């Protein structure tokens, strides 16, 4: 989750697409050039250990004009954790 947040801050579309589930991955990512992310706050997690195949991360992503609150779902594909969707 933290690496994906950093990728959004840096507008690193290739990384985001590589870490996005093939089932839900968009063809492209359009970044808002006016959005400046300032902080990530992890609120809760479920799953995610080496013994799990699914997990969630609830977070607040702060930006200059507000907060994006989300619970993201993740799964393993080819042994790697990938983002699936927001709940």
PDB file of N, CA and C in Angstrom:
ATOM      1  N   UNK A   1       0.818  -1.190   0.000  1.00  0.00           N
ATOM      2  CA  UNK A   1       0.000   0.000   0.000  1.00  0.00           C
ATOM      3  C   UNK A   1       0.861   1.253   0.000  1.00  0.00           C
ATOM      4  N   UNK A   2       1.877   1.259   0.840  1.00  0.00           N
ATOM      5  CA  UNK A   2       2.727   2.449   0.903  1.00  0.00           C
ATOM      6  C   UNK A   2       3.451   2.686  -0.421  1.00  0.00           C
ATOM      7  N   UNK A   3       3.873   1.619  -1.059  1.00  0.00           N
ATOM      8  CA  UNK A   3       4.575   1.795  -2.340  1.00  0.00           C
ATOM      9  C   UNK A   3       3.624   2.318  -3.415  1.00  0.00           C
ATOM     10  N   UNK A   4       2.369   1.890  -3.385  1.00  0.00           N
ATOM     11  CA  UNK A   4       1.403   2.393  -4.368  1.00  0.00           C
ATOM     12  C   UNK A   4       1.084   3.864  -4.103  1.00  0.00           C
ATOM     13  N   UNK A   5       0.981   4.250  -2.836  1.00  0.00           N
ATOM     14  CA  UNK A   5       0.771   5.657  -2.502  1.00  0.00           C
ATOM     15  C   UNK A   5       1.933   6.491  -3.068  1.00  0.00           C
ATOM     16  N   UNK A   6       3.159   6.032  -2.822  1.00  0.00           N
ATOM     17  CA  UNK A   6       4.333   6.741  -3.326  1.00  0.00           C
ATOM     18  C   UNK A   6       4.295   6.837  -4.849  1.00  0.00           C
ATOM     19  N   UNK A   7       3.847   5.780  -5.507  1.00  0.00           N
ATOM     20  CA  UNK A   7       3.734   5.797  -6.971  1.00  0.00           C
ATOM     21  C   UNK A   7       2.712   6.837  -7.430  1.00  0.00           C
ATOM     22  N   UNK A   8       1.616   6.995  -6.694  1.00  0.00           N
ATOM     23  CA  UNK A   8       0.650   8.049  -7.036  1.00  0.00           C
ATOM     24  C   UNK A   8       1.282   9.422  -6.850  1.00  0.00           C
ATOM     25  N   UNK A   9       2.026   9.614  -5.765  1.00  0.00           N
ATOM     26  CA  UNK A   9       2.690  10.892  -5.521  1.00  0.00           C
ATOM     27  C   UNK A   9       3.653  11.219  -6.668  1.00  0.00           C
ATOM     28  N   UNK A  10       4.402  10.202  -7.109  1.00  0.00           N
ATOM     29  CA  UNK A  10       5.425  10.391  -8.142  1.00  0.00           C
ATOM     30  C   UNK A  10       4.902  10.249  -9.572  1.00  0.00           C
ATOM     31  N   UNK A  11       3.603   9.967  -9.724  1.00  0.00           N
ATOM     32  CA  UNK A  11       2.989   9.744 -11.047  1.00  0.00           C
ATOM     33  C   UNK A  11       3.679   8.605 -11.787  1.00  0.00           C
ATOM     34  N   UNK A  12       3.947   7.533 -11.076  1.00  0.00           N
ATOM     35  CA  UNK A  12       4.630   6.362 -11.634  1.00  0.00           C
ATOM     36  C   UNK A  12       3.597   5.348 -12.142  1.00  0.00           C
ATOM     37  N   UNK A  13       3.027   5.631 -13.301  1.00  0.00           N
ATOM     38  CA  UNK A  13       1.989   4.769 -13.874  1.00  0.00           C
ATOM     39  C   UNK A  13       2.468   3.344 -14.133  1.00  0.00           C
ATOM     40  N   UNK A  14       3.668   3.117 -14.664  1.00  0.00           N
ATOM     41  CA  UNK A  14       4.101   1.731 -14.896  1.00  0.00           C
ATOM     42  C   UNK A  14       4.080   0.882 -13.622  1.00  0.00           C
ATOM     43  N   UNK A  15       4.532   1.450 -12.512  1.00  0.00           N
ATOM     44  CA  UNK A  15       4.519   0.686 -11.255  1.00  0.00           C
ATOM     45  C   UNK A  15       3.088   0.389 -10.820  1.00  0.00           C
ATOM     46  N   UNK A  16       2.221   1.391 -10.884  1.00  0.00           N
ATOM     47  CA  UNK A  16       0.833   1.185 -10.475  1.00  0.00           C
ATOM     48  C   UNK A  16       0.165   0.107 -11.317  1.00  0.00           C
ATOM     49  N   UNK A  17       0.400   0.112 -12.609  1.00  0.00           N
ATOM     50  CA  UNK A  17      -0.204  -0.895 -13.481  1.00  0.00           C
ATOM     51  C   UNK A  17       0.356  -2.289 -13.190  1.00  0.00           C
ATOM     52  N   UNK A  18       1.651  -2.383 -12.884  1.00  0.00           N
ATOM     53  CA  UNK A  18       2.258  -3.688 -12.544  1.00  0.00           C
ATOM     54  C   UNK A  18       1.701  -4.251 -11.244  1.00  0.00           C
ATOM     55  N   UNK A  19       1.292  -3.379 -10.326  1.00  0.00           N
ATOM     56  CA  UNK A  19       0.813  -3.827  -9.016  1.00  0.00           C
ATOM     57  C   UNK A  19      -0.709  -3.785  -8.919  1.00  0.00           C
ATOM     58  N   UNK A  20      -1.381  -3.819 -10.054  1.00  0.00           N
ATOM     59  CA  UNK A  20      -2.840  -3.792 -10.145  1.00  0.00           C
ATOM     60  C   UNK A  20      -3.287  -5.138 -10.699  1.00  0.00           C
ATOM     61  N   UNK A  21      -4.307  -5.733 -10.118  1.00  0.00           N
ATOM     62  CA  UNK A  21      -4.802  -7.028 -10.573  1.00  0.00           C
ATOM     63  C   UNK A  21      -5.158  -6.997 -12.054  1.00  0.00           C
ATOM     64  N   UNK A  22      -4.805  -8.060 -12.757  1.00  0.00           N
ATOM     65  CA  UNK A  22      -5.147  -8.149 -14.177  1.00  0.00           C
ATOM     66  C   UNK A  22      -6.653  -8.094 -14.390  1.00  0.00           C
ATOM     67  N   UNK A  23      -7.417  -8.539 -13.404  1.00  0.00           N
ATOM     68  CA  UNK A  23      -8.882  -8.567 -13.539  1.00  0.00           C
ATOM     69  C   UNK A  23      -9.511  -7.180 -13.498  1.00  0.00           C
ATOM     70  N   UNK A  24      -8.847  -6.204 -12.867  1.00  0.00           N
ATOM     71  CA  UNK A  24      -9.449  -4.877 -12.694  1.00  0.00           C
ATOM     72  C   UNK A  24      -8.567  -3.737 -13.198  1.00  0.00           C
ATOM     73  N   UNK A  25      -7.419  -4.049 -13.752  1.00  0.00           N
ATOM     74  CA  UNK A  25      -6.450  -3.036 -14.184  1.00  0.00           C
ATOM     75  C   UNK A  25      -6.995  -2.209 -15.344  1.00  0.00           C
ATOM     76  N   UNK A  26      -6.906  -0.874 -15.236  1.00  0.00           N
ATOM     77  CA  UNK A  26      -7.301  -0.029 -16.372  1.00  0.00           C
ATOM     78  C   UNK A  26      -6.217  -0.039 -17.440  1.00  0.00           C
ATOM     79  N   UNK A  27      -6.551   0.416 -18.617  1.00  0.00           N
ATOM     80  CA  UNK A  27      -5.577   0.481 -19.705  1.00  0.00           C
ATOM     81  C   UNK A  27      -4.541   1.576 -19.446  1.00  0.00           C
ATOM     82  N   UNK A  28      -4.969   2.680 -18.865  1.00  0.00           N
ATOM     83  CA  UNK A  28      -4.084   3.803 -18.555  1.00  0.00           C
ATOM     84  C   UNK A  28      -4.500   4.420 -17.231  1.00  0.00           C
ATOM     85  N   UNK A  29      -3.629   5.242 -16.703  1.00  0.00           N
ATOM     86  CA  UNK A  29      -3.920   5.982 -15.473  1.00  0.00           C
ATOM     87  C   UNK A  29      -3.760   7.463 -15.779  1.00  0.00           C
ATOM     88  N   UNK A  30      -4.773   8.231 -15.443  1.00  0.00           N
ATOM     89  CA  UNK A  30      -4.722   9.673 -15.639  1.00  0.00           C
ATOM     90  C   UNK A  30      -4.562  10.341 -14.280  1.00  0.00           C
ATOM     91  N   UNK A  31      -3.438  11.005 -14.076  1.00  0.00           N
ATOM     92  CA  UNK A  31      -3.170  11.700 -12.826  1.00  0.00           C
ATOM     93  C   UNK A  31      -3.709  13.120 -12.894  1.00  0.00           C
ATOM     94  N   UNK A  32      -4.194  13.604 -11.766  1.00  0.00           N
ATOM     95  CA  UNK A  32      -4.614  14.995 -11.661  1.00  0.00           C
ATOM     96  C   UNK A  32      -3.354  15.825 -11.425  1.00  0.00           C
ATOM     97  N   UNK A  33      -2.948  16.641 -12.390  1.00  0.00           N
ATOM     98  CA  UNK A  33      -1.699  17.388 -12.229  1.00  0.00           C
ATOM     99  C   UNK A  33      -1.763  18.428 -11.109  1.00  0.00           C
ATOM    100  N   UNK A  34      -2.967  18.769 -10.664  1.00  0.00           N
ATOM    101  CA  UNK A  34      -3.129  19.769  -9.613  1.00  0.00           C
ATOM    102  C   UNK A  34      -3.238  19.157  -8.219  1.00  0.00           C
ATOM    103  N   UNK A  35      -3.290  17.831  -8.130  1.00  0.00           N
ATOM    104  CA  UNK A  35      -3.421  17.176  -6.820  1.00  0.00           C
ATOM    105  C   UNK A  35      -2.042  16.953  -6.228  1.00  0.00           C
ATOM    106  N   UNK A  36      -1.813  17.471  -5.041  1.00  0.00           N
ATOM    107  CA  UNK A  36      -0.540  17.285  -4.345  1.00  0.00           C
ATOM    108  C   UNK A  36      -0.796  16.477  -3.082  1.00  0.00           C
ATOM    109  N   UNK A  37      -0.371  15.217  -3.097  1.00  0.00           N
ATOM    110  CA  UNK A  37      -0.541  14.329  -1.955  1.00  0.00           C
ATOM    111  C   UNK A  37       0.446  14.726  -0.869  1.00  0.00           C
ATOM    112  N   UNK A  38      -0.019  14.685   0.394  1.00  0.00           N
ATOM    113  CA  UNK A  38       0.828  15.158   1.486  1.00  0.00           C
ATOM    114  C   UNK A  38       1.118  14.114   2.557  1.00  0.00           C
ATOM    115  N   UNK A  39       0.251  13.100   2.696  1.00  0.00           N
ATOM    116  CA  UNK A  39       0.484  12.129   3.773  1.00  0.00           C
ATOM    117  C   UNK A  39      -0.423  10.927   3.603  1.00  0.00           C
ATOM    118  N   UNK A  40       0.081   9.756   3.990  1.00  0.00           N
ATOM    119  CA  UNK A  40      -0.707   8.520   4.011  1.00  0.00           C
ATOM    120  C   UNK A  40      -0.853   8.080   5.460  1.00  0.00           C
ATOM    121  N   UNK A  41      -2.076   7.776   5.841  1.00  0.00           N
ATOM    122  CA  UNK A  41      -2.387   7.306   7.192  1.00  0.00           C
ATOM    123  C   UNK A  41      -3.088   5.951   7.080  1.00  0.00           C
ATOM    124  N   UNK A  42      -2.427   4.879   7.517  1.00  0.00           N
ATOM    125  CA  UNK A  42      -3.032   3.548   7.514  1.00  0.00           C
ATOM    126  C   UNK A  42      -3.903   3.433   8.754  1.00  0.00           C
ATOM    127  N   UNK A  43      -5.184   3.102   8.576  1.00  0.00           N
ATOM    128  CA  UNK A  43      -6.119   3.016   9.691  1.00  0.00           C
ATOM    129  C   UNK A  43      -6.354   1.589  10.167  1.00  0.00           C
ATOM    130  N   UNK A  44      -6.361   0.641   9.239  1.00  0.00           N
ATOM    131  CA  UNK A  44      -6.657  -0.742   9.600  1.00  0.00           C
ATOM    132  C   UNK A  44      -6.215  -1.663   8.463  1.00  0.00           C
ATOM    133  N   UNK A  45      -5.879  -2.887   8.822  1.00  0.00           N
ATOM    134  CA  UNK A  45      -5.556  -3.896   7.816  1.00  0.00           C
ATOM    135  C   UNK A  45      -6.173  -5.225   8.226  1.00  0.00           C
ATOM    136  N   UNK A  46      -6.452  -6.059   7.229  1.00  0.00           N
ATOM    137  CA  UNK A  46      -6.865  -7.443   7.466  1.00  0.00           C
ATOM    138  C   UNK A  46      -6.065  -8.314   6.521  1.00  0.00           C
ATOM    139  N   UNK A  47      -5.795  -9.538   6.940  1.00  0.00           N
ATOM    140  CA  UNK A  47      -5.031 -10.443   6.087  1.00  0.00           C
ATOM    141  C   UNK A  47      -3.651  -9.879   5.810  1.00  0.00           C
ATOM    142  N   UNK A  48      -3.073 -10.306   4.723  1.00  0.00           N
ATOM    143  CA  UNK A  48      -1.810  -9.748   4.286  1.00  0.00           C
ATOM    144  C   UNK A  48      -0.566 -10.458   4.771  1.00  0.00           C
ATOM    145  N   UNK A  49      -0.711 -11.475   5.590  1.00  0.00           N
ATOM    146  CA  UNK A  49       0.483 -12.192   6.051  1.00  0.00           C
ATOM    147  C   UNK A  49       0.934 -13.181   4.980  1.00  0.00           C
ATOM    148  N   UNK A  50       2.082 -13.814   5.172  1.00  0.00           N
ATOM    149  CA  UNK A  50       2.523 -14.831   4.208  1.00  0.00           C
ATOM    150  C   UNK A  50       1.550 -16.000   4.070  1.00  0.00           C
ATOM    151  N   UNK A  51       0.642 -16.157   5.020  1.00  0.00           N
ATOM    152  CA  UNK A  51      -0.315 -17.262   4.993  1.00  0.00           C
ATOM    153  C   UNK A  51      -1.641 -16.891   4.343  1.00  0.00           C
ATOM    154  N   UNK A  52      -1.828 -15.616   4.017  1.00  0.00           N
ATOM    155  CA  UNK A  52      -3.079 -15.145   3.424  1.00  0.00           C
ATOM    156  C   UNK A  52      -2.952 -15.005   1.908  1.00  0.00           C
ATOM    157  N   UNK A  53      -4.082 -15.076   1.239  1.00  0.00           N
ATOM    158  CA  UNK A  53      -4.120 -14.812  -0.197  1.00  0.00           C
ATOM    159  C   UNK A  53      -4.922 -13.546  -0.507  1.00  0.00           C
ATOM    160  N   UNK A  54      -5.569 -12.979   0.504  1.00  0.00           N
ATOM    161  CA  UNK A  54      -6.341 -11.745   0.336  1.00  0.00           C
ATOM    162  C   UNK A  54      -6.129 -10.854   1.548  1.00  0.00           C
ATOM    163  N   UNK A  55      -6.370  -9.579   1.360  1.00  0.00           N
ATOM    164  CA  UNK A  55      -6.250  -8.643   2.461  1.00  0.00           C
ATOM    165  C   UNK A  55      -6.892  -7.325   2.112  1.00  0.00           C
ATOM    166  N   UNK A  56      -7.037  -6.486   3.128  1.00  0.00           N
ATOM    167  CA  UNK A  56      -7.577  -5.144   2.925  1.00  0.00           C
ATOM    168  C   UNK A  56      -6.695  -4.140   3.663  1.00  0.00           C
ATOM    169  N   UNK A  57      -6.724  -2.907   3.181  1.00  0.00           N
ATOM    170  CA  UNK A  57      -6.057  -1.797   3.848  1.00  0.00           C
ATOM    171  C   UNK A  57      -7.029  -0.630   3.841  1.00  0.00           C
ATOM    172  N   UNK A  58      -7.371  -0.163   5.038  1.00  0.00           N
ATOM    173  CA  UNK A  58      -8.185   1.049   5.175  1.00  0.00           C
ATOM    174  C   UNK A  58      -7.220   2.202   5.419  1.00  0.00           C
ATOM    175  N   UNK A  59      -7.383   3.289   4.689  1.00  0.00           N
ATOM    176  CA  UNK A  59      -6.423   4.387   4.805  1.00  0.00           C
ATOM    177  C   UNK A  59      -7.072   5.731   4.526  1.00  0.00           C
ATOM    178  N   UNK A  60      -6.372   6.764   4.940  1.00  0.00           N
ATOM    179  CA  UNK A  60      -6.653   8.134   4.549  1.00  0.00           C
ATOM    180  C   UNK A  60      -5.440   8.636   3.788  1.00  0.00           C
ATOM    181  N   UNK A  61      -5.653   9.086   2.554  1.00  0.00           N
ATOM    182  CA  UNK A  61      -4.597   9.713   1.764  1.00  0.00           C
ATOM    183  C   UNK A  61      -4.888  11.212   1.770  1.00  0.00           C
ATOM    184  N   UNK A  62      -4.039  11.952   2.433  1.00  0.00           N
ATOM    185  CA  UNK A  62      -4.247  13.389   2.584  1.00  0.00           C
ATOM    186  C   UNK A  62      -3.676  14.130   1.383  1.00  0.00           C
ATOM    187  N   UNK A  63      -4.377  15.170   0.989  1.00  0.00           N
ATOM    188  CA  UNK A  63      -3.872  16.073  -0.049  1.00  0.00           C
ATOM    189  C   UNK A  63      -4.165  17.488   0.383  1.00  0.00           C
ATOM    190  N   UNK A  64      -3.715  18.460  -0.388  1.00  0.00           N
ATOM    191  CA  UNK A  64      -3.798  19.862   0.030  1.00  0.00           C
ATOM    192  C   UNK A  64      -5.207  20.335   0.338  1.00  0.00           C
ATOM    193  N   UNK A  65      -6.203  19.762  -0.321  1.00  0.00           N
ATOM    194  CA  UNK A  65      -7.566  20.267  -0.135  1.00  0.00           C
ATOM    195  C   UNK A  65      -8.499  19.284   0.559  1.00  0.00           C
ATOM    196  N   UNK A  66      -7.970  18.161   1.038  1.00  0.00           N
ATOM    197  CA  UNK A  66      -8.860  17.213   1.707  1.00  0.00           C
ATOM    198  C   UNK A  66      -8.219  15.867   1.965  1.00  0.00           C
ATOM    199  N   UNK A  67      -9.088  14.880   2.111  1.00  0.00           N
ATOM    200  CA  UNK A  67      -8.667  13.524   2.431  1.00  0.00           C
ATOM    201  C   UNK A  67      -9.444  12.548   1.553  1.00  0.00           C
ATOM    202  N   UNK A  68      -8.731  11.568   1.006  1.00  0.00           N
ATOM    203  CA  UNK A  68      -9.393  10.454   0.316  1.00  0.00           C
ATOM    204  C   UNK A  68      -9.379   9.274   1.285  1.00  0.00           C
ATOM    205  N   UNK A  69     -10.575   8.866   1.721  1.00  0.00           N
ATOM    206  CA  UNK A  69     -10.704   7.706   2.602  1.00  0.00           C
ATOM    207  C   UNK A  69     -11.104   6.516   1.750  1.00  0.00           C
ATOM    208  N   UNK A  70     -10.420   5.378   1.962  1.00  0.00           N
ATOM    209  CA  UNK A  70     -10.709   4.204   1.146  1.00  0.00           C
ATOM    210  C   UNK A  70     -10.337   2.937   1.894  1.00  0.00           C
ATOM    211  N   UNK A  71     -11.028   1.871   1.590  1.00  0.00           N
ATOM    212  CA  UNK A  71     -10.603   0.533   1.982  1.00  0.00           C
ATOM    213  C   UNK A  71     -10.312  -0.214   0.689  1.00  0.00           C
ATOM    214  N   UNK A  72      -9.048  -0.552   0.495  1.00  0.00           N
ATOM    215  CA  UNK A  72      -8.601  -1.229  -0.720  1.00  0.00           C
ATOM    216  C   UNK A  72      -8.503  -2.726  -0.475  1.00  0.00           C
ATOM    217  N   UNK A  73      -8.848  -3.498  -1.493  1.00  0.00           N
ATOM    218  CA  UNK A  73      -8.692  -4.942  -1.406  1.00  0.00           C
ATOM    219  C   UNK A  73      -7.484  -5.353  -2.239  1.00  0.00           C
ATOM    220  N   UNK A  74      -6.762  -6.350  -1.718  1.00  0.00           N
ATOM    221  CA  UNK A  74      -5.573  -6.872  -2.375  1.00  0.00           C
ATOM    222  C   UNK A  74      -5.661  -8.392  -2.446  1.00  0.00           C
ATOM    223  N   UNK A  75      -5.006  -8.963  -3.426  1.00  0.00           N
ATOM    224  CA  UNK A  75      -4.929 -10.412  -3.563  1.00  0.00           C
ATOM    225  C   UNK A  75      -3.543 -10.765  -4.084  1.00  0.00           C
ATOM    226  N   UNK A  76      -3.238 -12.050  -4.033  1.00  0.00           N
ATOM    227  CA  UNK A  76      -1.953 -12.502  -4.591  1.00  0.00           C
ATOM    228  C   UNK A  76      -2.175 -13.013  -6.011  1.00  0.00           C
ATOM    229  N   UNK A  77      -1.322 -12.573  -6.908  1.00  0.00           N
ATOM    230  CA  UNK A  77      -1.294 -13.086  -8.272  1.00  0.00           C
ATOM    231  C   UNK A  77       0.156 -13.434  -8.575  1.00  0.00           C
ATOM    232  N   UNK A  78       0.391 -14.666  -8.951  1.00  0.00           N
ATOM    233  CA  UNK A  78       1.751 -15.150  -9.224  1.00  0.00           C
ATOM    234  C   UNK A  78       2.672 -14.873  -8.042  1.00  0.00           C
ATOM    235  N   UNK A  79       2.128 -15.007  -6.832  1.00  0.00           N
ATOM    236  CA  UNK A  79       2.907 -14.840  -5.622  1.00  0.00           C
ATOM    237  C   UNK A  79       3.113 -13.410  -5.159  1.00  0.00           C
ATOM    238  N   UNK A  80       2.613 -12.430  -5.922  1.00  0.00           N
ATOM    239  CA  UNK A  80       2.795 -11.018  -5.582  1.00  0.00           C
ATOM    240  C   UNK A  80       1.473 -10.393  -5.150  1.00  0.00           C
ATOM    241  N   UNK A  81       1.535  -9.493  -4.167  1.00  0.00           N
ATOM    242  CA  UNK A  81       0.346  -8.750  -3.761  1.00  0.00           C
ATOM    243  C   UNK A  81       0.009  -7.720  -4.816  1.00  0.00           C
ATOM    244  N   UNK A  82      -1.264  -7.663  -5.211  1.00  0.00           N
ATOM    245  CA  UNK A  82      -1.726  -6.685  -6.185  1.00  0.00           C
ATOM    246  C   UNK A  82      -3.034  -6.064  -5.718  1.00  0.00           C
ATOM    247  N   UNK A  83      -3.236  -4.821  -6.096  1.00  0.00           N
ATOM    248  CA  UNK A  83      -4.460  -4.083  -5.782  1.00  0.00           C
ATOM    249  C   UNK A  83      -5.597  -4.632  -6.640  1.00  0.00           C
ATOM    250  N   UNK A  84      -6.776  -4.834  -6.034  1.00  0.00           N
ATOM    251  CA  UNK A  84      -7.945  -5.299  -6.788  1.00  0.00           C
ATOM    252  C   UNK A  84      -8.925  -4.150  -6.995  1.00  0.00           C
ATOM    253  N   UNK A  85      -9.437  -3.583  -5.894  1.00  0.00           N
ATOM    254  CA  UNK A  85     -10.453  -2.546  -6.008  1.00  0.00           C
ATOM    255  C   UNK A  85     -10.684  -1.910  -4.649  1.00  0.00           C
ATOM    256  N   UNK A  86     -11.419  -0.820  -4.659  1.00  0.00           N
ATOM    257  CA  UNK A  86     -11.870  -0.195  -3.422  1.00  0.00           C
ATOM    258  C   UNK A  86     -13.214  -0.777  -3.031  1.00  0.00           C
ATOM    259  N   UNK A  87     -13.397  -0.974  -1.729  1.00  0.00           N
ATOM    260  CA  UNK A  87     -14.701  -1.462  -1.261  1.00  0.00           C
ATOM    261  C   UNK A  87     -15.693  -0.327  -1.182  1.00  0.00           C
TER     262      UNK A  87
END
